[in-house]
Amino acid sequence: MAANSQEIKNIDVRKIIAFNLGGELYGVDICYVNSIMRPRPAMPLPNVPDFILGMINLRGSLLPLIDLRLKFNLDIRPLNEDSRIVVMESKNYRAGLLVDKVWELLRLAPTAFQPAPTDVAKIDQAYFIEVCPVNERMLIVLDIVVLLSDTAIIGEQAG
């Protein structure tokens, strides 16, 4: 039995949660997104890098809150009404990523993505894997596995 055209369209897209950070457009594959919420106070942790703001409680589980501006050495900016925490999950590790503003859920053709050229973003190239033009902007897709495992290693060393 052949799939109808609507089913094919839904299968043949990549779903990316896009957000603003330091004037650039970043994204993460939706398969890694657990939830999105307003910022909340974090319990400070000793002996961790400054980009780990502390631990937050998410439905009874504690997870680290990472300020991506500090992690990526971007200018510091106070929280505002648009600030959000994007809760990410990779393998058995979860963390909240503090972002300036969640832009939208994008549905993009897999063919629109390209390997990331050098110096396309303000951040270390180790943390992103590809780019995609979106509405006259460049979407920079983060490598969540690398980002979260890097943070997990730091957390284990601090503990």
N, C-alpha and C. Protein backbone atom coordinates (compact mmCIF):
# COMPACT_ATOMS: atom_id res chain seq x y z
N MET A 1 0.85 -1.18 0.00
CA MET A 1 0.00 0.00 0.00
C MET A 1 0.89 1.24 0.00
N ALA A 2 0.69 2.14 -0.91
CA ALA A 2 1.52 3.34 -1.05
C ALA A 2 1.09 4.39 -0.04
N ALA A 3 2.07 5.13 0.49
CA ALA A 3 1.77 6.22 1.42
C ALA A 3 1.24 7.41 0.63
N ASN A 4 0.31 8.12 1.22
CA ASN A 4 -0.20 9.31 0.51
C ASN A 4 0.85 10.43 0.57
N SER A 5 0.67 11.46 -0.24
CA SER A 5 1.69 12.52 -0.36
C SER A 5 1.90 13.27 0.94
N GLN A 6 0.86 13.42 1.77
CA GLN A 6 1.02 14.12 3.05
C GLN A 6 1.94 13.33 3.98
N GLU A 7 1.80 12.00 4.02
CA GLU A 7 2.67 11.18 4.84
C GLU A 7 4.11 11.30 4.37
N ILE A 8 4.34 11.30 3.09
CA ILE A 8 5.69 11.43 2.55
C ILE A 8 6.28 12.77 2.94
N LYS A 9 5.50 13.84 2.85
CA LYS A 9 6.00 15.17 3.22
C LYS A 9 6.39 15.21 4.70
N ASN A 10 5.61 14.57 5.55
CA ASN A 10 5.92 14.57 6.98
C ASN A 10 7.17 13.75 7.29
N ILE A 11 7.39 12.66 6.54
CA ILE A 11 8.55 11.81 6.78
C ILE A 11 9.82 12.47 6.24
N ASP A 12 9.72 13.15 5.12
CA ASP A 12 10.88 13.68 4.43
C ASP A 12 11.23 15.09 4.87
N VAL A 13 11.20 15.34 6.18
CA VAL A 13 11.62 16.63 6.72
C VAL A 13 12.45 16.40 7.97
N ARG A 14 13.30 17.36 8.27
CA ARG A 14 14.00 17.37 9.55
C ARG A 14 13.36 18.43 10.40
N LYS A 15 13.04 18.08 11.62
CA LYS A 15 12.41 19.03 12.55
C LYS A 15 13.49 19.58 13.48
N ILE A 16 13.62 20.89 13.44
CA ILE A 16 14.66 21.59 14.19
C ILE A 16 14.01 22.67 15.05
N ILE A 17 14.35 22.68 16.34
CA ILE A 17 13.94 23.79 17.20
C ILE A 17 15.01 24.87 17.03
N ALA A 18 14.58 26.04 16.55
CA ALA A 18 15.51 27.14 16.30
C ALA A 18 15.40 28.17 17.42
N PHE A 19 16.54 28.74 17.79
CA PHE A 19 16.56 29.76 18.83
C PHE A 19 17.64 30.79 18.55
N ASN A 20 17.42 31.97 19.09
CA ASN A 20 18.39 33.06 18.96
C ASN A 20 19.36 33.01 20.13
N LEU A 21 20.60 33.31 19.81
CA LEU A 21 21.64 33.37 20.83
C LEU A 21 22.74 34.29 20.32
N GLY A 22 22.93 35.38 20.99
CA GLY A 22 23.98 36.31 20.61
C GLY A 22 23.86 36.84 19.20
N GLY A 23 22.63 37.05 18.73
CA GLY A 23 22.42 37.60 17.40
C GLY A 23 22.50 36.59 16.27
N GLU A 24 22.75 35.32 16.59
CA GLU A 24 22.80 34.28 15.57
C GLU A 24 21.63 33.31 15.78
N LEU A 25 21.31 32.57 14.72
CA LEU A 25 20.23 31.60 14.76
C LEU A 25 20.84 30.20 14.88
N TYR A 26 20.52 29.53 15.98
CA TYR A 26 21.01 28.17 16.23
C TYR A 26 19.82 27.22 16.23
N GLY A 27 20.12 25.95 16.09
CA GLY A 27 19.06 24.96 16.13
C GLY A 27 19.55 23.63 16.67
N VAL A 28 18.59 22.85 17.15
CA VAL A 28 18.87 21.49 17.61
C VAL A 28 17.78 20.59 17.06
N ASP A 29 18.17 19.38 16.72
CA ASP A 29 17.22 18.41 16.21
C ASP A 29 16.19 18.11 17.30
N ILE A 30 14.93 18.09 16.93
CA ILE A 30 13.86 17.93 17.93
C ILE A 30 13.95 16.61 18.69
N CYS A 31 14.62 15.62 18.12
CA CYS A 31 14.72 14.33 18.83
C CYS A 31 15.48 14.46 20.14
N TYR A 32 16.25 15.53 20.32
CA TYR A 32 16.99 15.75 21.56
C TYR A 32 16.25 16.65 22.55
N VAL A 33 15.14 17.27 22.13
CA VAL A 33 14.45 18.24 22.98
C VAL A 33 13.43 17.52 23.85
N ASN A 34 13.57 17.71 25.16
CA ASN A 34 12.65 17.13 26.13
C ASN A 34 11.50 18.09 26.41
N SER A 35 11.83 19.37 26.61
CA SER A 35 10.82 20.39 26.90
C SER A 35 11.45 21.77 26.78
N ILE A 36 10.59 22.79 26.79
CA ILE A 36 11.02 24.19 26.77
C ILE A 36 10.26 24.89 27.89
N MET A 37 10.99 25.66 28.70
CA MET A 37 10.34 26.33 29.82
C MET A 37 10.96 27.69 30.09
N ARG A 38 10.25 28.45 30.90
CA ARG A 38 10.76 29.76 31.32
C ARG A 38 11.92 29.53 32.29
N PRO A 39 12.84 30.50 32.34
CA PRO A 39 13.96 30.37 33.29
C PRO A 39 13.47 30.29 34.73
N ARG A 40 14.22 29.57 35.51
CA ARG A 40 13.94 29.42 36.93
C ARG A 40 15.25 29.45 37.69
N PRO A 41 15.21 29.76 38.97
CA PRO A 41 16.45 29.81 39.74
C PRO A 41 17.15 28.45 39.77
N ALA A 42 18.46 28.50 39.73
CA ALA A 42 19.26 27.28 39.80
C ALA A 42 19.98 27.22 41.14
N MET A 43 20.10 26.01 41.67
CA MET A 43 20.87 25.81 42.90
C MET A 43 22.34 25.80 42.52
N PRO A 44 23.13 26.72 43.07
CA PRO A 44 24.55 26.80 42.69
C PRO A 44 25.30 25.52 43.05
N LEU A 45 26.33 25.24 42.26
CA LEU A 45 27.21 24.10 42.50
C LEU A 45 28.63 24.60 42.70
N PRO A 46 29.36 24.00 43.63
CA PRO A 46 30.77 24.40 43.80
C PRO A 46 31.65 23.72 42.75
N ASN A 47 32.76 24.33 42.46
CA ASN A 47 33.80 23.73 41.62
C ASN A 47 33.36 23.33 40.22
N VAL A 48 32.51 24.14 39.60
CA VAL A 48 32.12 23.89 38.21
C VAL A 48 32.44 25.14 37.40
N PRO A 49 32.60 25.00 36.10
CA PRO A 49 32.85 26.18 35.27
C PRO A 49 31.70 27.18 35.37
N ASP A 50 31.99 28.44 35.08
CA ASP A 50 30.98 29.49 35.23
C ASP A 50 29.78 29.31 34.31
N PHE A 51 29.92 28.59 33.20
CA PHE A 51 28.78 28.41 32.29
C PHE A 51 27.74 27.43 32.84
N ILE A 52 28.08 26.66 33.87
CA ILE A 52 27.09 25.81 34.54
C ILE A 52 26.53 26.63 35.70
N LEU A 53 25.31 27.13 35.52
CA LEU A 53 24.71 28.04 36.49
C LEU A 53 24.27 27.34 37.76
N GLY A 54 24.14 26.01 37.72
CA GLY A 54 23.71 25.24 38.87
C GLY A 54 22.77 24.14 38.42
N MET A 55 21.98 23.64 39.35
CA MET A 55 21.03 22.56 39.06
C MET A 55 19.61 23.10 39.17
N ILE A 56 18.75 22.62 38.27
CA ILE A 56 17.33 22.95 38.34
C ILE A 56 16.54 21.66 38.51
N ASN A 57 15.35 21.79 39.07
CA ASN A 57 14.48 20.64 39.29
C ASN A 57 13.47 20.57 38.15
N LEU A 58 13.45 19.44 37.47
CA LEU A 58 12.48 19.23 36.40
C LEU A 58 11.70 17.96 36.75
N ARG A 59 10.48 18.15 37.23
CA ARG A 59 9.60 17.05 37.59
C ARG A 59 10.31 16.01 38.47
N GLY A 60 11.00 16.50 39.49
CA GLY A 60 11.64 15.62 40.45
C GLY A 60 13.06 15.19 40.09
N SER A 61 13.55 15.54 38.93
CA SER A 61 14.92 15.21 38.53
C SER A 61 15.77 16.48 38.49
N LEU A 62 16.97 16.38 39.01
CA LEU A 62 17.88 17.51 38.96
C LEU A 62 18.72 17.44 37.69
N LEU A 63 18.87 18.59 37.03
CA LEU A 63 19.73 18.62 35.85
C LEU A 63 20.49 19.93 35.80
N PRO A 64 21.68 19.91 35.21
CA PRO A 64 22.47 21.13 35.14
C PRO A 64 21.86 22.14 34.19
N LEU A 65 22.02 23.41 34.54
CA LEU A 65 21.58 24.51 33.68
C LEU A 65 22.82 25.16 33.08
N ILE A 66 22.90 25.13 31.76
CA ILE A 66 24.06 25.65 31.04
C ILE A 66 23.68 26.97 30.38
N ASP A 67 24.45 28.00 30.67
CA ASP A 67 24.27 29.28 30.00
C ASP A 67 25.10 29.22 28.72
N LEU A 68 24.44 29.08 27.57
CA LEU A 68 25.17 28.94 26.31
C LEU A 68 25.97 30.19 25.97
N ARG A 69 25.54 31.36 26.42
CA ARG A 69 26.33 32.57 26.18
C ARG A 69 27.69 32.45 26.85
N LEU A 70 27.71 31.98 28.09
CA LEU A 70 28.98 31.79 28.80
C LEU A 70 29.78 30.63 28.20
N LYS A 71 29.11 29.55 27.87
CA LYS A 71 29.78 28.38 27.30
C LYS A 71 30.51 28.74 26.01
N PHE A 72 29.86 29.57 25.19
CA PHE A 72 30.41 29.93 23.88
C PHE A 72 31.17 31.25 23.89
N ASN A 73 31.44 31.81 25.08
CA ASN A 73 32.17 33.07 25.22
C ASN A 73 31.53 34.23 24.45
N LEU A 74 30.21 34.32 24.53
CA LEU A 74 29.48 35.43 23.92
C LEU A 74 29.25 36.50 24.99
N ASP A 75 28.86 37.69 24.56
CA ASP A 75 28.58 38.76 25.51
C ASP A 75 27.46 38.34 26.47
N ILE A 76 27.64 38.68 27.74
CA ILE A 76 26.63 38.36 28.75
C ILE A 76 25.46 39.32 28.61
N ARG A 77 24.27 38.80 28.79
CA ARG A 77 23.06 39.61 28.68
C ARG A 77 22.08 39.15 29.75
N PRO A 78 21.37 40.08 30.39
CA PRO A 78 20.42 39.66 31.43
C PRO A 78 19.22 38.92 30.83
N LEU A 79 18.61 38.11 31.67
CA LEU A 79 17.40 37.40 31.25
C LEU A 79 16.30 38.41 30.98
N ASN A 80 15.40 38.06 30.06
CA ASN A 80 14.24 38.91 29.81
C ASN A 80 13.03 38.02 29.54
N GLU A 81 11.94 38.61 29.13
CA GLU A 81 10.68 37.89 28.90
C GLU A 81 10.82 36.80 27.84
N ASP A 82 11.73 36.96 26.90
CA ASP A 82 11.91 35.98 25.82
C ASP A 82 12.85 34.83 26.19
N SER A 83 13.66 34.97 27.22
CA SER A 83 14.62 33.93 27.60
C SER A 83 13.91 32.62 27.90
N ARG A 84 14.55 31.52 27.51
CA ARG A 84 13.96 30.19 27.75
C ARG A 84 15.06 29.19 28.09
N ILE A 85 14.63 28.12 28.73
CA ILE A 85 15.48 26.95 28.96
C ILE A 85 14.98 25.85 28.02
N VAL A 86 15.88 25.35 27.19
CA VAL A 86 15.55 24.22 26.32
C VAL A 86 16.18 23.00 26.98
N VAL A 87 15.35 22.08 27.44
CA VAL A 87 15.84 20.88 28.11
C VAL A 87 16.19 19.85 27.05
N MET A 88 17.46 19.46 27.05
CA MET A 88 18.00 18.54 26.05
C MET A 88 18.31 17.20 26.69
N GLU A 89 18.22 16.16 25.87
CA GLU A 89 18.50 14.81 26.35
C GLU A 89 19.29 14.07 25.29
N SER A 90 20.43 13.49 25.70
CA SER A 90 21.27 12.71 24.81
C SER A 90 21.74 11.49 25.57
N LYS A 91 21.41 10.32 25.07
CA LYS A 91 21.70 9.07 25.76
C LYS A 91 21.11 9.15 27.16
N ASN A 92 21.93 9.04 28.21
CA ASN A 92 21.39 9.10 29.57
C ASN A 92 21.70 10.42 30.26
N TYR A 93 22.01 11.45 29.49
CA TYR A 93 22.38 12.73 30.09
C TYR A 93 21.41 13.81 29.66
N ARG A 94 20.94 14.59 30.63
CA ARG A 94 20.03 15.70 30.34
C ARG A 94 20.62 16.98 30.90
N ALA A 95 20.30 18.09 30.22
CA ALA A 95 20.73 19.39 30.70
C ALA A 95 19.78 20.44 30.15
N GLY A 96 19.68 21.56 30.86
CA GLY A 96 18.91 22.69 30.38
C GLY A 96 19.86 23.69 29.74
N LEU A 97 19.51 24.16 28.55
CA LEU A 97 20.31 25.16 27.85
C LEU A 97 19.57 26.49 27.90
N LEU A 98 20.20 27.50 28.47
CA LEU A 98 19.61 28.82 28.55
C LEU A 98 19.86 29.54 27.23
N VAL A 99 18.77 29.98 26.56
CA VAL A 99 18.87 30.65 25.26
C VAL A 99 18.14 32.00 25.33
N ASP A 100 18.47 32.88 24.38
CA ASP A 100 17.86 34.22 24.37
C ASP A 100 16.38 34.17 24.03
N LYS A 101 16.03 33.39 23.02
CA LYS A 101 14.64 33.32 22.58
C LYS A 101 14.46 32.10 21.69
N VAL A 102 13.41 31.33 21.95
CA VAL A 102 13.08 30.23 21.04
C VAL A 102 12.35 30.83 19.85
N TRP A 103 12.85 30.55 18.67
CA TRP A 103 12.33 31.14 17.45
C TRP A 103 11.11 30.38 16.97
N GLU A 104 11.29 29.12 16.57
CA GLU A 104 10.16 28.30 16.14
C GLU A 104 10.63 26.88 15.84
N LEU A 105 9.66 26.00 15.61
CA LEU A 105 9.94 24.66 15.13
C LEU A 105 9.99 24.73 13.61
N LEU A 106 11.13 24.39 13.06
CA LEU A 106 11.31 24.42 11.60
C LEU A 106 11.17 23.02 11.04
N ARG A 107 10.53 22.93 9.90
CA ARG A 107 10.45 21.67 9.15
C ARG A 107 11.20 21.92 7.85
N LEU A 108 12.36 21.29 7.72
CA LEU A 108 13.26 21.58 6.60
C LEU A 108 13.60 20.32 5.83
N ALA A 109 13.77 20.48 4.54
CA ALA A 109 14.18 19.36 3.69
C ALA A 109 15.60 18.94 4.05
N PRO A 110 15.85 17.65 4.16
CA PRO A 110 17.21 17.19 4.48
C PRO A 110 18.26 17.70 3.49
N THR A 111 17.86 17.93 2.26
CA THR A 111 18.80 18.40 1.24
C THR A 111 19.21 19.86 1.44
N ALA A 112 18.52 20.60 2.30
CA ALA A 112 18.85 22.00 2.54
C ALA A 112 20.06 22.17 3.45
N PHE A 113 20.45 21.13 4.14
CA PHE A 113 21.56 21.20 5.10
C PHE A 113 22.89 20.97 4.39
N GLN A 114 23.91 21.71 4.87
CA GLN A 114 25.25 21.61 4.30
C GLN A 114 26.25 21.46 5.44
N PRO A 115 27.38 20.81 5.16
CA PRO A 115 28.44 20.78 6.19
C PRO A 115 28.82 22.20 6.57
N ALA A 116 29.13 22.40 7.81
CA ALA A 116 29.44 23.75 8.30
C ALA A 116 30.81 24.20 7.83
N PRO A 117 30.86 25.34 7.14
CA PRO A 117 32.16 25.89 6.75
C PRO A 117 32.87 26.47 7.98
N THR A 118 34.15 26.63 7.87
CA THR A 118 34.94 27.20 8.96
C THR A 118 34.53 28.66 9.16
N ASP A 119 34.54 29.11 10.39
CA ASP A 119 34.26 30.50 10.76
C ASP A 119 32.88 30.99 10.36
N VAL A 120 31.89 30.10 10.33
CA VAL A 120 30.52 30.53 10.02
C VAL A 120 29.82 31.08 11.25
N ALA A 121 30.31 30.72 12.44
CA ALA A 121 29.66 31.14 13.68
C ALA A 121 30.67 31.73 14.64
N LYS A 122 30.14 32.38 15.67
CA LYS A 122 30.98 32.98 16.71
C LYS A 122 31.50 31.92 17.68
N ILE A 123 30.95 30.72 17.62
CA ILE A 123 31.27 29.70 18.61
C ILE A 123 32.31 28.71 18.06
N ASP A 124 32.87 27.90 18.95
CA ASP A 124 33.84 26.88 18.59
C ASP A 124 33.21 25.88 17.63
N GLN A 125 33.89 25.59 16.55
CA GLN A 125 33.35 24.71 15.52
C GLN A 125 33.08 23.28 16.02
N ALA A 126 33.68 22.90 17.13
CA ALA A 126 33.45 21.56 17.67
C ALA A 126 32.00 21.36 18.09
N TYR A 127 31.26 22.45 18.32
CA TYR A 127 29.91 22.35 18.84
C TYR A 127 28.81 22.44 17.80
N PHE A 128 29.15 22.56 16.53
CA PHE A 128 28.10 22.55 15.51
C PHE A 128 28.53 21.68 14.34
N ILE A 129 27.52 21.14 13.63
CA ILE A 129 27.82 20.16 12.61
C ILE A 129 27.41 20.56 11.20
N GLU A 130 26.40 21.40 11.09
CA GLU A 130 25.94 21.77 9.75
C GLU A 130 25.18 23.09 9.81
N VAL A 131 24.90 23.62 8.62
CA VAL A 131 24.18 24.88 8.50
C VAL A 131 23.07 24.72 7.47
N CYS A 132 22.12 25.65 7.54
CA CYS A 132 21.00 25.63 6.60
C CYS A 132 20.47 27.06 6.45
N PRO A 133 20.33 27.56 5.23
CA PRO A 133 19.74 28.88 5.07
C PRO A 133 18.25 28.86 5.40
N VAL A 134 17.81 29.85 6.21
CA VAL A 134 16.41 29.95 6.62
C VAL A 134 16.02 31.42 6.63
N ASN A 135 15.07 31.80 5.80
CA ASN A 135 14.57 33.18 5.78
C ASN A 135 15.70 34.21 5.77
N GLU A 136 16.62 34.08 4.86
CA GLU A 136 17.74 35.01 4.69
C GLU A 136 18.68 35.04 5.89
N ARG A 137 18.64 34.01 6.72
CA ARG A 137 19.56 33.86 7.85
C ARG A 137 20.22 32.50 7.73
N MET A 138 21.31 32.33 8.45
CA MET A 138 22.00 31.05 8.46
C MET A 138 21.68 30.34 9.78
N LEU A 139 21.05 29.18 9.69
CA LEU A 139 20.76 28.35 10.86
C LEU A 139 21.99 27.48 11.12
N ILE A 140 22.50 27.53 12.34
CA ILE A 140 23.67 26.76 12.74
C ILE A 140 23.17 25.63 13.64
N VAL A 141 23.33 24.39 13.18
CA VAL A 141 22.80 23.23 13.91
C VAL A 141 23.86 22.73 14.89
N LEU A 142 23.51 22.76 16.18
CA LEU A 142 24.43 22.34 17.23
C LEU A 142 24.54 20.82 17.28
N ASP A 143 25.73 20.35 17.66
CA ASP A 143 25.96 18.93 17.89
C ASP A 143 25.70 18.67 19.37
N ILE A 144 24.47 18.29 19.68
CA ILE A 144 24.05 18.13 21.07
C ILE A 144 24.81 17.01 21.77
N VAL A 145 25.13 15.95 21.07
CA VAL A 145 25.88 14.85 21.69
C VAL A 145 27.21 15.36 22.20
N VAL A 146 27.94 16.13 21.39
CA VAL A 146 29.23 16.68 21.81
C VAL A 146 29.04 17.68 22.94
N LEU A 147 28.08 18.58 22.81
CA LEU A 147 27.85 19.61 23.82
C LEU A 147 27.50 18.99 25.17
N LEU A 148 26.58 18.04 25.19
CA LEU A 148 26.17 17.45 26.47
C LEU A 148 27.23 16.53 27.04
N SER A 149 27.93 15.77 26.22
CA SER A 149 28.96 14.89 26.77
C SER A 149 30.13 15.71 27.29
N ASP A 150 30.46 16.82 26.65
CA ASP A 150 31.50 17.73 27.14
C ASP A 150 31.12 18.25 28.52
N THR A 151 29.88 18.65 28.69
CA THR A 151 29.40 19.17 29.97
C THR A 151 29.34 18.06 31.02
N ALA A 152 28.93 16.84 30.61
CA ALA A 152 28.87 15.72 31.55
C ALA A 152 30.24 15.38 32.10
N ILE A 153 31.26 15.43 31.26
CA ILE A 153 32.62 15.14 31.70
C ILE A 153 33.06 16.16 32.73
N ILE A 154 32.77 17.43 32.49
CA ILE A 154 33.13 18.50 33.43
C ILE A 154 32.41 18.29 34.75
N GLY A 155 31.11 17.95 34.69
CA GLY A 155 30.32 17.72 35.90
C GLY A 155 30.86 16.55 36.72
N GLU A 156 31.30 15.49 36.04
CA GLU A 156 31.86 14.34 36.74
C GLU A 156 33.19 14.71 37.41
N GLN A 157 34.01 15.53 36.76
CA GLN A 157 35.28 15.93 37.33
C GLN A 157 35.06 16.82 38.56
N ALA A 158 33.99 17.61 38.55
CA ALA A 158 33.71 18.51 39.68
C ALA A 158 33.16 17.76 40.87
N GLY A 159 32.51 16.61 40.62
CA GLY A 159 31.83 15.89 41.68
C GLY A 159 32.69 15.02 42.52
